[in-house]
Amino acid sequence: MPAPAPFTPVKRQLLISDFDESFADADTDRWTFECLSLPLRRKFQDIGESGTMQFTDMCSMLLKELHAQGVDAQQIIDAQKKLYLHPAMIRGVKALKSSQSPKTEAFLLSNSNSVYLQTVLEANGLYPPTFDLFTEIVTNPAKVEANGLLNLSRRVSPDGPQHTCKVGCSANMCKGDELEAYLERHDGRQAYDRLIYLGDGSNDFCPVLRLGKNDVALVRKGYGLERRIKAEGGVQCDIRYWQHAWEVEELFNALRGA
């Protein structure tokens, strides 16, 4: 792909970032089992392909099975510390966040979980107090129990009111609703001249549909988000495709006018 075309200069913008296979060059949920239990990684694959279980519930169940095999939360955290963040992604996002013209705020919106995300960000120097990158992190809650179990649950509990998304978001979270809620908490959409969405998966389609003509989606080629955009349409924003983290760094540089 050619070098990115320039973006219209703005004063304030919001980066909304997915994590797995977007900000990170790996998937945090798969990574745990690839590092710690090959049989459970196979089970993860088989259940996922069958579509018989809600994804977050499946991950929670497999974490319980991993714990029953004698693997505790600290071993999982140690594995997550090894998950790969590309140097170009780290360099690019730090430069974007540090730029004062334009001013860029960052919001992490992920179907991973709170323990995984904090661990990976801390390990790569992207979490306070080392570097204050994300204003908020919205994801599935997880906590370490006294017995060493990493206990994962849905962001939207199955026992309470459910989201009403018709676009195809998973039951645990509607990313479009979460983006709208974030904007409401931070002075509304009018507070930003441009929204930037970095994503790859089919569950990123809903928030991308909510972007306007002055916004931009940074879409990873070859993944579910690209397929849905091309098959279903309806996207109003500028779409910029990428395959590798160094290309995202180029796009981040262009978004800060460098």
Protein backbone atom coordinates (compact mmCIF):
# COMPACT_ATOMS: atom_id res chain seq x y z
CA MET A 1 0.00 0.00 0.00
CA PRO A 2 1.22 3.56 -0.67
CA ALA A 3 2.10 5.99 2.09
CA PRO A 4 -1.04 7.45 3.71
CA ALA A 5 -2.63 10.54 2.19
CA PRO A 6 -2.70 13.56 4.52
CA PHE A 7 -5.57 14.08 6.93
CA THR A 8 -7.43 17.35 7.46
CA PRO A 9 -5.78 19.24 10.34
CA VAL A 10 -7.84 19.32 13.56
CA LYS A 11 -7.38 20.63 17.10
CA ARG A 12 -8.75 17.73 19.15
CA GLN A 13 -9.33 14.08 18.29
CA LEU A 14 -10.26 10.84 20.02
CA LEU A 15 -8.58 7.52 19.28
CA ILE A 16 -10.84 4.55 20.06
CA SER A 17 -8.78 1.37 19.96
CA ASP A 18 -9.63 -2.29 19.94
CA PHE A 19 -6.87 -4.46 21.42
CA ASP A 20 -6.65 -8.06 20.18
CA GLU A 21 -5.15 -8.30 16.67
CA SER A 22 -5.36 -4.51 16.40
CA PHE A 23 -3.34 -2.65 19.01
CA ALA A 24 -1.68 -5.96 19.91
CA ASP A 25 -0.37 -8.33 17.26
CA ALA A 26 -1.96 -11.28 19.07
CA ASP A 27 -5.19 -12.28 20.84
CA THR A 28 -5.03 -12.20 24.64
CA ASP A 29 -7.63 -14.93 25.17
CA ARG A 30 -6.01 -17.41 22.79
CA TRP A 31 -2.56 -16.48 24.09
CA THR A 32 -3.27 -17.75 27.62
CA PHE A 33 -4.07 -21.25 26.40
CA GLU A 34 -1.36 -21.30 23.74
CA CYS A 35 1.17 -20.61 26.49
CA LEU A 36 -0.26 -22.81 29.21
CA SER A 37 -2.45 -25.65 27.87
CA LEU A 38 -2.47 -27.05 24.36
CA PRO A 39 -5.56 -29.27 25.02
CA LEU A 40 -7.53 -26.23 26.22
CA ARG A 41 -6.36 -24.23 23.21
CA ARG A 42 -7.83 -26.98 21.02
CA LYS A 43 -11.05 -26.91 23.06
CA PHE A 44 -11.15 -23.10 22.68
CA GLN A 45 -10.91 -23.54 18.90
CA ASP A 46 -13.52 -26.28 18.66
CA ILE A 47 -16.13 -24.52 20.83
CA GLY A 48 -15.49 -21.21 19.11
CA GLU A 49 -15.98 -22.71 15.66
CA SER A 50 -19.14 -24.52 16.76
CA GLY A 51 -20.80 -21.28 17.90
CA THR A 52 -22.52 -23.13 20.73
CA MET A 53 -21.35 -20.88 23.59
CA GLN A 54 -21.12 -17.15 24.19
CA PHE A 55 -17.46 -16.18 23.79
CA THR A 56 -16.82 -14.57 27.20
CA ASP A 57 -18.62 -17.40 28.96
CA MET A 58 -16.44 -19.88 27.06
CA CYS A 59 -13.25 -18.08 28.12
CA SER A 60 -14.45 -18.00 31.73
CA MET A 61 -15.21 -21.73 31.68
CA LEU A 62 -11.80 -22.56 30.19
CA LEU A 63 -10.03 -20.42 32.80
CA LYS A 64 -11.78 -22.48 35.48
CA GLU A 65 -10.62 -25.67 33.76
CA LEU A 66 -7.09 -24.28 33.55
CA HIS A 67 -7.18 -23.54 37.28
CA ALA A 68 -8.38 -27.09 37.96
CA GLN A 69 -5.27 -28.32 36.12
CA GLY A 70 -3.10 -26.47 38.66
CA VAL A 71 -2.42 -23.23 36.76
CA ASP A 72 -2.97 -20.15 38.89
CA ALA A 73 -3.58 -16.51 37.99
CA GLN A 74 0.05 -15.50 38.47
CA GLN A 75 1.14 -17.97 35.80
CA ILE A 76 -1.48 -16.49 33.47
CA ILE A 77 -0.26 -12.97 34.23
CA ASP A 78 3.33 -14.03 33.60
CA ALA A 79 2.26 -15.44 30.22
CA GLN A 80 0.42 -12.25 29.30
CA LYS A 81 3.57 -10.23 30.02
CA LYS A 82 5.15 -12.00 27.04
CA LEU A 83 2.36 -11.08 24.59
CA TYR A 84 3.70 -9.13 21.64
CA LEU A 85 3.14 -5.42 21.15
CA HIS A 86 4.97 -4.28 18.03
CA PRO A 87 7.58 -1.54 18.66
CA ALA A 88 6.07 0.51 15.82
CA MET A 89 2.64 0.47 17.50
CA ILE A 90 4.15 1.56 20.81
CA ARG A 91 6.25 4.27 19.19
CA GLY A 92 3.38 5.53 17.04
CA VAL A 93 0.74 5.72 19.75
CA LYS A 94 3.10 7.39 22.24
CA ALA A 95 3.99 10.06 19.68
CA LEU A 96 0.30 10.59 18.85
CA LYS A 97 -0.69 10.86 22.50
CA SER A 98 2.23 13.17 23.34
CA SER A 99 1.49 15.61 20.51
CA GLN A 100 -0.16 18.85 21.59
CA SER A 101 -1.26 19.82 18.10
CA PRO A 102 -3.59 18.12 17.62
CA LYS A 103 -4.51 17.07 21.14
CA THR A 104 -5.32 13.33 21.11
CA GLU A 105 -7.27 11.47 23.77
CA ALA A 106 -7.27 7.65 23.73
CA PHE A 107 -9.98 5.19 24.77
CA LEU A 108 -9.43 1.41 24.89
CA LEU A 109 -12.54 -0.59 23.99
CA SER A 110 -11.91 -4.32 24.08
CA ASN A 111 -13.60 -7.70 24.45
CA SER A 112 -10.53 -8.95 26.34
CA ASN A 113 -10.54 -8.45 30.13
CA SER A 114 -9.24 -6.03 32.72
CA VAL A 115 -6.43 -8.26 34.06
CA TYR A 116 -5.04 -9.10 30.62
CA LEU A 117 -5.10 -5.51 29.39
CA GLN A 118 -3.49 -3.98 32.46
CA THR A 119 -0.81 -6.68 32.46
CA VAL A 120 0.15 -6.23 28.80
CA LEU A 121 0.08 -2.43 28.97
CA GLU A 122 2.19 -2.37 32.15
CA ALA A 123 4.70 -4.79 30.65
CA ASN A 124 5.13 -2.46 27.67
CA GLY A 125 5.36 0.81 29.59
CA LEU A 126 1.91 2.04 28.50
CA TYR A 127 0.13 2.15 31.86
CA PRO A 128 0.30 4.72 34.70
CA PRO A 129 2.53 5.84 36.24
CA THR A 130 4.98 5.00 33.41
CA PHE A 131 2.81 6.40 30.59
CA ASP A 132 -0.79 7.55 30.89
CA LEU A 133 -2.12 6.42 27.50
CA PHE A 134 -5.80 5.60 27.85
CA THR A 135 -8.29 7.92 29.52
CA GLU A 136 -10.58 4.92 30.05
CA ILE A 137 -10.43 1.17 29.47
CA VAL A 138 -13.78 -0.51 28.87
CA THR A 139 -13.66 -4.31 28.82
CA ASN A 140 -14.90 -7.43 30.58
CA PRO A 141 -14.16 -7.48 34.33
CA ALA A 142 -11.77 -10.08 35.73
CA LYS A 143 -10.31 -10.55 39.19
CA VAL A 144 -7.88 -12.85 40.94
CA GLU A 145 -9.62 -14.90 43.62
CA ALA A 146 -7.96 -15.94 46.87
CA ASN A 147 -7.56 -19.50 45.57
CA GLY A 148 -5.64 -18.30 42.49
CA LEU A 149 -8.50 -18.51 39.99
CA LEU A 150 -8.70 -15.77 37.37
CA ASN A 151 -12.45 -15.16 37.47
CA LEU A 152 -13.86 -13.61 34.28
CA SER A 153 -17.37 -12.28 33.70
CA ARG A 154 -19.28 -10.40 31.02
CA ARG A 155 -19.31 -6.60 31.00
CA VAL A 156 -23.07 -6.76 30.44
CA SER A 157 -24.20 -9.31 33.01
CA PRO A 158 -26.62 -11.99 31.79
CA ASP A 159 -28.58 -11.39 35.01
CA GLY A 160 -29.42 -7.75 34.27
CA PRO A 161 -30.75 -5.57 31.44
CA GLN A 162 -29.32 -6.55 28.06
CA HIS A 163 -28.15 -4.27 25.28
CA THR A 164 -30.45 -4.02 22.27
CA CYS A 165 -27.87 -3.92 19.46
CA LYS A 166 -29.21 -5.15 16.11
CA VAL A 167 -25.86 -5.01 14.28
CA GLY A 168 -24.49 -8.25 15.70
CA CYS A 169 -22.52 -7.37 18.84
CA SER A 170 -21.95 -10.21 21.29
CA ALA A 171 -24.17 -10.40 24.38
CA ASN A 172 -21.34 -9.34 26.69
CA MET A 173 -20.93 -5.87 25.15
CA CYS A 174 -22.19 -3.58 22.41
CA LYS A 175 -19.15 -1.62 21.33
CA GLY A 176 -21.28 0.99 19.59
CA ASP A 177 -23.25 1.65 22.78
CA GLU A 178 -20.01 1.79 24.77
CA LEU A 179 -18.58 4.39 22.38
CA GLU A 180 -21.71 6.52 22.65
CA ALA A 181 -21.62 6.24 26.47
CA TYR A 182 -17.97 7.30 26.53
CA LEU A 183 -18.75 10.37 24.43
CA GLU A 184 -21.59 11.28 26.80
CA ARG A 185 -19.21 11.04 29.78
CA HIS A 186 -16.69 13.32 28.05
CA ASP A 187 -18.68 16.35 26.89
CA GLY A 188 -20.29 14.72 23.86
CA ARG A 189 -19.29 14.13 20.28
CA GLN A 190 -18.95 17.86 19.71
CA ALA A 191 -15.91 17.90 22.03
CA TYR A 192 -13.85 16.18 19.30
CA ASP A 193 -13.12 17.36 15.78
CA ARG A 194 -12.35 13.81 14.70
CA LEU A 195 -12.93 10.27 15.98
CA ILE A 196 -10.40 7.61 14.98
CA TYR A 197 -11.28 3.92 15.31
CA LEU A 198 -8.56 1.26 15.21
CA GLY A 199 -9.95 -2.24 14.80
CA ASP A 200 -10.00 -5.57 13.02
CA GLY A 201 -12.92 -7.74 14.09
CA SER A 202 -16.55 -8.09 13.09
CA ASN A 203 -17.56 -6.73 16.51
CA ASP A 204 -15.85 -3.45 15.57
CA PHE A 205 -18.39 -2.90 12.78
CA CYS A 206 -21.06 -1.48 15.11
CA PRO A 207 -18.94 1.42 16.44
CA VAL A 208 -17.53 2.11 12.96
CA LEU A 209 -21.11 2.53 11.71
CA ARG A 210 -21.53 5.31 14.28
CA LEU A 211 -18.64 7.37 12.90
CA GLY A 212 -19.37 10.42 10.76
CA LYS A 213 -17.92 11.90 7.59
CA ASN A 214 -15.16 13.75 9.47
CA ASP A 215 -14.02 10.59 11.26
CA VAL A 216 -11.68 7.79 10.19
CA ALA A 217 -11.56 4.01 10.65
CA LEU A 218 -8.15 2.32 10.59
CA VAL A 219 -9.16 -1.15 9.44
CA ARG A 220 -6.89 -4.19 9.44
CA LYS A 221 -7.00 -6.01 6.12
CA GLY A 222 -8.02 -9.64 5.99
CA TYR A 223 -10.17 -9.67 9.14
CA GLY A 224 -13.86 -9.57 9.99
CA LEU A 225 -14.25 -5.79 10.05
CA GLU A 226 -13.04 -5.42 6.47
CA ARG A 227 -15.33 -8.24 5.35
CA ARG A 228 -18.39 -6.67 7.00
CA ILE A 229 -17.66 -3.21 5.60
CA LYS A 230 -17.42 -4.63 2.10
CA ALA A 231 -20.43 -6.93 2.45
CA GLU A 232 -22.84 -4.69 4.37
CA GLY A 233 -21.78 -1.11 3.63
CA GLY A 234 -23.34 1.85 5.43
CA VAL A 235 -20.04 3.31 6.67
CA GLN A 236 -19.85 7.11 6.42
CA CYS A 237 -16.31 7.74 7.64
CA ASP A 238 -12.98 7.72 5.83
CA ILE A 239 -11.59 4.17 5.75
CA ARG A 240 -7.84 3.56 5.78
CA TYR A 241 -6.65 -0.04 5.52
CA TRP A 242 -3.50 -1.49 7.07
CA GLN A 243 -1.87 -4.89 7.51
CA HIS A 244 1.16 -4.31 9.75
CA ALA A 245 1.90 -2.21 12.82
CA TRP A 246 4.45 -0.07 10.97
CA GLU A 247 1.63 1.06 8.68
CA VAL A 248 -0.41 2.10 11.72
CA GLU A 249 2.58 4.13 12.89
CA GLU A 250 2.55 5.91 9.51
CA LEU A 251 -1.18 6.60 9.89
CA PHE A 252 -0.73 7.84 13.48
CA ASN A 253 2.05 10.15 12.27
CA ALA A 254 -0.20 11.49 9.52
CA LEU A 255 -2.99 12.04 12.04
CA ARG A 256 -0.72 14.32 14.02
CA GLY A 257 0.50 16.10 10.90
CA ALA A 258 3.99 14.62 10.94
